[in-house]
Amino acid sequence: MKPHFKQIVIVILSVFLLSCSSDETSTPITTTPPVVNPPTTPQPPIPSSVNYLALGDSYTIGQSVCATCRFPEQLKTSLTAMYSSSISLKIIATTGWTTSNLISAINSQNPESNYDLVTLLIGVNNQYQHRNFSVYEKEFPELVNKAIMLAKGDRKNVVVISIPDYAYTPYGQALAGNQSSTISLEIDQYNTFAENYCTNNQVAFVSITDITRMGLSNPNLVASDGLHPSEAAYKMFVDRMMPKIKTALQN
């Protein structure tokens, strides 16, 4: 091989080797980082057996829905599935009851003061029967205090639920027509008083009124009687209530 040609070959080989070396060093080595799942926080336990008392009227007894469709029964089922606890449910409620009727029933039945959870939903019949609002102002606090007493004297075990708005049902529309807004304003008055009282006295309050105000746009939320909440609506009640219920039972 001629010297001149040999030098050309050496230069070409050197360039080729340097190029390969550069390519090898410039190619990054990628590795897939291991998947790290965030630690799960177990839910604080609740008692293995829970005594639950539901106080109210037609919205608690579940007028026009099946016995297991009303919200206290759905709440019981949800808690049992979630915690595998034994839930004992007692309901003191009847369609048409006002605050006065509920007070009389509690006094008459005289339940034991051993409940781990008490819910209270009352007042729509005070409004519907055109009772003076001052009656509610006097008797709602009395009922809350009775609920606390029945909940082993612990206000943290009491959950108050707002009054549904029946103006947003076929019955409410037929009853009031263009005046249905009056029903809503009066329901708001009752609920505002109840919420303020609960807030000032460290009692849990859950508003579900907005759910019932979807009754005209979503007929599935109204029971077959055209007035009361349906099973689907009560499920939404329970979902809305559950954070407060958990807090009540975990304390």
Protein backbone atom coordinates (compact mmCIF):
# COMPACT_ATOMS: atom_id res chain seq x y z
CA MET A 1 0.00 0.00 0.00
CA LYS A 2 1.35 3.36 -0.95
CA PRO A 3 2.19 5.63 2.03
CA HIS A 4 -0.10 8.36 0.79
CA PHE A 5 -3.04 6.04 0.38
CA LYS A 6 -2.31 4.41 3.75
CA GLN A 7 -2.52 7.77 5.50
CA ILE A 8 -5.91 8.48 3.90
CA VAL A 9 -7.24 5.15 5.12
CA ILE A 10 -6.01 5.81 8.69
CA VAL A 11 -7.70 9.22 8.75
CA ILE A 12 -11.01 7.77 7.51
CA LEU A 13 -10.93 4.99 10.13
CA SER A 14 -10.10 7.46 12.88
CA VAL A 15 -13.06 9.69 11.94
CA PHE A 16 -15.37 6.67 11.82
CA LEU A 17 -14.27 5.43 15.26
CA LEU A 18 -14.62 8.87 16.82
CA SER A 19 -18.12 9.19 15.38
CA CYS A 20 -19.17 5.87 16.85
CA SER A 21 -17.74 6.80 20.21
CA SER A 22 -19.61 10.13 20.15
CA ASP A 23 -22.90 8.44 19.28
CA GLU A 24 -22.49 5.95 22.10
CA THR A 25 -21.76 8.58 24.72
CA SER A 26 -24.56 10.92 23.59
CA THR A 27 -27.34 8.32 23.78
CA PRO A 28 -28.95 8.66 27.21
CA ILE A 29 -29.75 5.57 29.17
CA THR A 30 -33.35 5.76 30.33
CA THR A 31 -34.83 3.73 33.13
CA THR A 32 -38.48 3.58 34.20
CA PRO A 33 -38.82 4.67 37.81
CA PRO A 34 -40.71 2.25 40.02
CA VAL A 35 -44.39 3.00 40.64
CA VAL A 36 -44.91 4.16 44.19
CA ASN A 37 -48.50 4.09 45.40
CA PRO A 38 -49.35 6.71 48.01
CA PRO A 39 -50.08 5.23 51.40
CA THR A 40 -53.77 4.67 52.04
CA THR A 41 -55.21 6.22 55.14
CA PRO A 42 -57.62 3.80 56.79
CA GLN A 43 -60.90 5.27 57.91
CA PRO A 44 -61.15 5.68 61.66
CA PRO A 45 -63.30 2.94 63.10
CA ILE A 46 -66.79 3.41 64.42
CA PRO A 47 -68.38 1.33 67.19
CA SER A 48 -69.04 -2.30 66.25
CA SER A 49 -72.67 -1.72 67.13
CA VAL A 50 -74.48 1.58 66.55
CA ASN A 51 -77.85 2.68 67.90
CA TYR A 52 -79.42 5.13 65.44
CA LEU A 53 -82.55 7.19 66.07
CA ALA A 54 -84.25 9.09 63.23
CA LEU A 55 -86.67 11.85 64.24
CA GLY A 56 -88.97 13.61 61.80
CA ASP A 57 -92.07 13.53 59.63
CA SER A 58 -93.00 12.15 56.19
CA TYR A 59 -89.52 12.84 54.86
CA THR A 60 -88.05 10.55 57.52
CA ILE A 61 -90.69 7.81 57.44
CA GLY A 62 -90.41 7.80 53.65
CA GLN A 63 -93.95 8.51 52.48
CA SER A 64 -94.68 6.85 49.10
CA VAL A 65 -91.40 4.92 48.89
CA CYS A 66 -90.57 1.39 50.04
CA ALA A 67 -89.53 0.75 53.63
CA THR A 68 -85.89 0.22 52.66
CA CYS A 69 -85.89 3.24 50.32
CA ARG A 70 -86.30 5.95 52.96
CA PHE A 71 -83.11 7.73 53.91
CA PRO A 72 -82.63 6.28 57.43
CA GLU A 73 -82.71 2.74 55.99
CA GLN A 74 -80.37 3.69 53.14
CA LEU A 75 -78.02 5.29 55.66
CA LYS A 76 -78.12 2.14 57.79
CA THR A 77 -77.29 -0.02 54.74
CA SER A 78 -74.43 2.26 53.68
CA LEU A 79 -72.88 2.29 57.16
CA THR A 80 -73.16 -1.49 57.45
CA ALA A 81 -71.41 -1.98 54.10
CA MET A 82 -68.74 0.63 54.88
CA TYR A 83 -67.82 -0.44 58.40
CA SER A 84 -69.32 -3.92 58.84
CA SER A 85 -70.93 -2.58 61.98
CA SER A 86 -74.25 -3.68 63.38
CA ILE A 87 -76.70 -0.77 63.01
CA SER A 88 -79.87 -0.73 65.07
CA LEU A 89 -82.44 1.76 63.71
CA LYS A 90 -85.44 3.28 65.45
CA ILE A 91 -87.68 5.81 63.69
CA ILE A 92 -90.02 8.26 65.41
CA ALA A 93 -91.77 9.98 62.52
CA THR A 94 -95.21 10.19 60.93
CA THR A 95 -96.54 11.95 57.85
CA GLY A 96 -98.05 15.31 58.75
CA TRP A 97 -96.20 15.84 62.01
CA THR A 98 -95.27 19.35 63.05
CA THR A 99 -92.64 20.19 65.64
CA SER A 100 -95.41 20.03 68.27
CA ASN A 101 -96.43 16.51 67.20
CA LEU A 102 -92.84 15.27 67.28
CA ILE A 103 -92.27 16.67 70.77
CA SER A 104 -95.43 14.94 71.99
CA ALA A 105 -94.40 11.63 70.41
CA ILE A 106 -90.93 11.72 71.97
CA ASN A 107 -92.42 12.51 75.37
CA SER A 108 -94.98 9.73 74.95
CA GLN A 109 -92.56 7.05 73.73
CA ASN A 110 -89.83 8.15 76.14
CA PRO A 111 -86.94 6.45 74.30
CA GLU A 112 -83.74 5.64 76.16
CA SER A 113 -80.87 8.10 76.02
CA ASN A 114 -78.44 5.58 74.57
CA TYR A 115 -78.20 6.50 70.89
CA ASP A 116 -74.86 6.82 69.11
CA LEU A 117 -76.48 8.82 66.31
CA VAL A 118 -79.64 10.94 66.10
CA THR A 119 -80.89 12.65 62.95
CA LEU A 120 -83.57 15.35 62.96
CA LEU A 121 -85.58 16.57 59.97
CA ILE A 122 -88.68 18.56 60.91
CA GLY A 123 -90.60 21.72 60.07
CA VAL A 124 -92.24 21.35 56.68
CA ASN A 125 -95.67 20.79 58.20
CA ASN A 126 -95.33 23.90 60.34
CA GLN A 127 -94.97 25.79 57.07
CA TYR A 128 -97.59 23.76 55.17
CA GLN A 129 -100.18 24.14 57.92
CA HIS A 130 -99.44 27.87 58.19
CA ARG A 131 -98.39 27.66 61.82
CA ASN A 132 -96.98 30.87 63.21
CA PHE A 133 -93.21 30.88 62.67
CA SER A 134 -92.72 31.69 66.35
CA VAL A 135 -93.82 28.11 67.13
CA TYR A 136 -90.85 26.77 65.18
CA GLU A 137 -88.52 29.30 66.76
CA LYS A 138 -89.54 27.94 70.16
CA GLU A 139 -89.89 24.23 69.42
CA PHE A 140 -87.00 23.54 67.05
CA PRO A 141 -84.38 24.35 69.74
CA GLU A 142 -86.37 22.17 72.15
CA LEU A 143 -86.19 19.28 69.67
CA VAL A 144 -82.47 19.74 69.13
CA ASN A 145 -81.91 19.62 72.88
CA LYS A 146 -84.06 16.47 73.12
CA ALA A 147 -81.99 14.93 70.33
CA ILE A 148 -78.78 15.75 72.19
CA MET A 149 -80.14 14.21 75.37
CA LEU A 150 -81.11 11.04 73.47
CA ALA A 151 -77.64 10.95 71.88
CA LYS A 152 -76.05 10.20 75.25
CA GLY A 153 -75.94 13.92 75.94
CA ASP A 154 -73.32 14.43 73.19
CA ARG A 155 -74.19 17.14 70.64
CA LYS A 156 -71.54 15.72 68.29
CA ASN A 157 -73.77 12.68 67.75
CA VAL A 158 -76.65 14.77 66.37
CA VAL A 159 -77.09 15.65 62.69
CA VAL A 160 -79.86 18.03 61.61
CA ILE A 161 -81.10 17.89 58.00
CA SER A 162 -82.66 20.82 56.17
CA ILE A 163 -86.30 20.86 55.06
CA PRO A 164 -86.94 19.82 51.44
CA ASP A 165 -88.73 22.26 49.14
CA TYR A 166 -91.99 20.75 47.89
CA ALA A 167 -92.60 23.78 45.62
CA TYR A 168 -90.43 21.94 43.08
CA THR A 169 -92.84 19.02 42.74
CA PRO A 170 -95.96 18.53 40.60
CA TYR A 171 -98.07 18.68 43.76
CA GLY A 172 -96.46 21.92 44.89
CA GLN A 173 -96.96 23.48 41.49
CA ALA A 174 -100.62 22.46 41.39
CA LEU A 175 -101.17 23.70 44.94
CA ALA A 176 -99.52 27.08 44.66
CA GLY A 177 -99.27 27.78 40.95
CA ASN A 178 -97.63 31.13 40.39
CA GLN A 179 -97.26 31.52 44.16
CA SER A 180 -94.88 28.57 44.52
CA SER A 181 -92.04 31.01 45.13
CA THR A 182 -93.76 31.89 48.42
CA ILE A 183 -93.32 28.29 49.57
CA SER A 184 -89.62 28.42 48.75
CA LEU A 185 -89.14 31.71 50.59
CA GLU A 186 -90.83 30.33 53.69
CA ILE A 187 -88.84 27.08 53.53
CA ASP A 188 -85.69 29.20 53.33
CA GLN A 189 -86.79 31.09 56.44
CA TYR A 190 -87.18 27.83 58.38
CA ASN A 191 -83.88 26.43 57.14
CA THR A 192 -81.95 29.62 57.82
CA PHE A 193 -83.19 29.67 61.40
CA ALA A 194 -82.32 25.98 61.87
CA GLU A 195 -78.86 26.30 60.35
CA ASN A 196 -78.01 29.39 62.38
CA TYR A 197 -79.17 27.72 65.58
CA CYS A 198 -77.11 24.60 64.83
CA THR A 199 -74.02 26.63 63.95
CA ASN A 200 -74.26 28.66 67.14
CA ASN A 201 -74.66 25.50 69.21
CA GLN A 202 -72.03 23.29 67.54
CA VAL A 203 -74.56 20.87 66.06
CA ALA A 204 -73.97 19.42 62.58
CA PHE A 205 -76.33 20.71 59.89
CA VAL A 206 -76.66 19.24 56.40
CA SER A 207 -78.50 21.09 53.66
CA ILE A 208 -80.28 18.89 51.10
CA THR A 209 -82.85 21.47 49.97
CA ASP A 210 -81.04 22.15 46.70
CA ILE A 211 -81.40 18.47 45.78
CA THR A 212 -85.19 18.68 46.07
CA ARG A 213 -85.19 21.86 44.00
CA MET A 214 -84.22 19.71 41.02
CA GLY A 215 -87.55 17.88 41.26
CA LEU A 216 -89.18 19.59 38.28
CA SER A 217 -86.17 19.29 35.98
CA ASN A 218 -85.48 15.72 37.14
CA PRO A 219 -88.79 13.91 37.80
CA ASN A 220 -86.88 10.81 38.97
CA LEU A 221 -86.22 12.68 42.23
CA VAL A 222 -89.95 12.80 43.06
CA ALA A 223 -91.93 9.83 44.39
CA SER A 224 -95.00 8.43 42.67
CA ASP A 225 -97.30 10.69 44.72
CA GLY A 226 -95.84 13.75 43.01
CA LEU A 227 -94.87 15.31 46.35
CA HIS A 228 -92.28 13.42 48.36
CA PRO A 229 -88.66 12.55 47.50
CA SER A 230 -87.99 9.32 45.65
CA GLU A 231 -85.55 6.55 46.52
CA ALA A 232 -83.01 8.21 44.21
CA ALA A 233 -83.40 11.54 45.99
CA TYR A 234 -82.98 9.90 49.39
CA LYS A 235 -79.77 8.28 48.16
CA MET A 236 -78.50 11.75 47.31
CA PHE A 237 -79.51 12.84 50.82
CA VAL A 238 -77.41 10.03 52.31
CA ASP A 239 -74.40 10.84 50.12
CA ARG A 240 -74.60 14.48 51.21
CA MET A 241 -74.99 13.52 54.87
CA MET A 242 -72.28 10.88 55.03
CA PRO A 243 -69.27 13.11 55.90
CA LYS A 244 -71.13 14.53 58.91
CA ILE A 245 -72.40 11.07 59.88
CA LYS A 246 -68.86 9.65 59.80
CA THR A 247 -67.61 12.49 61.99
CA ALA A 248 -70.43 11.92 64.46
CA LEU A 249 -69.73 8.20 64.78
CA GLN A 250 -65.93 8.44 64.84
CA ASN A 251 -65.76 10.91 67.72
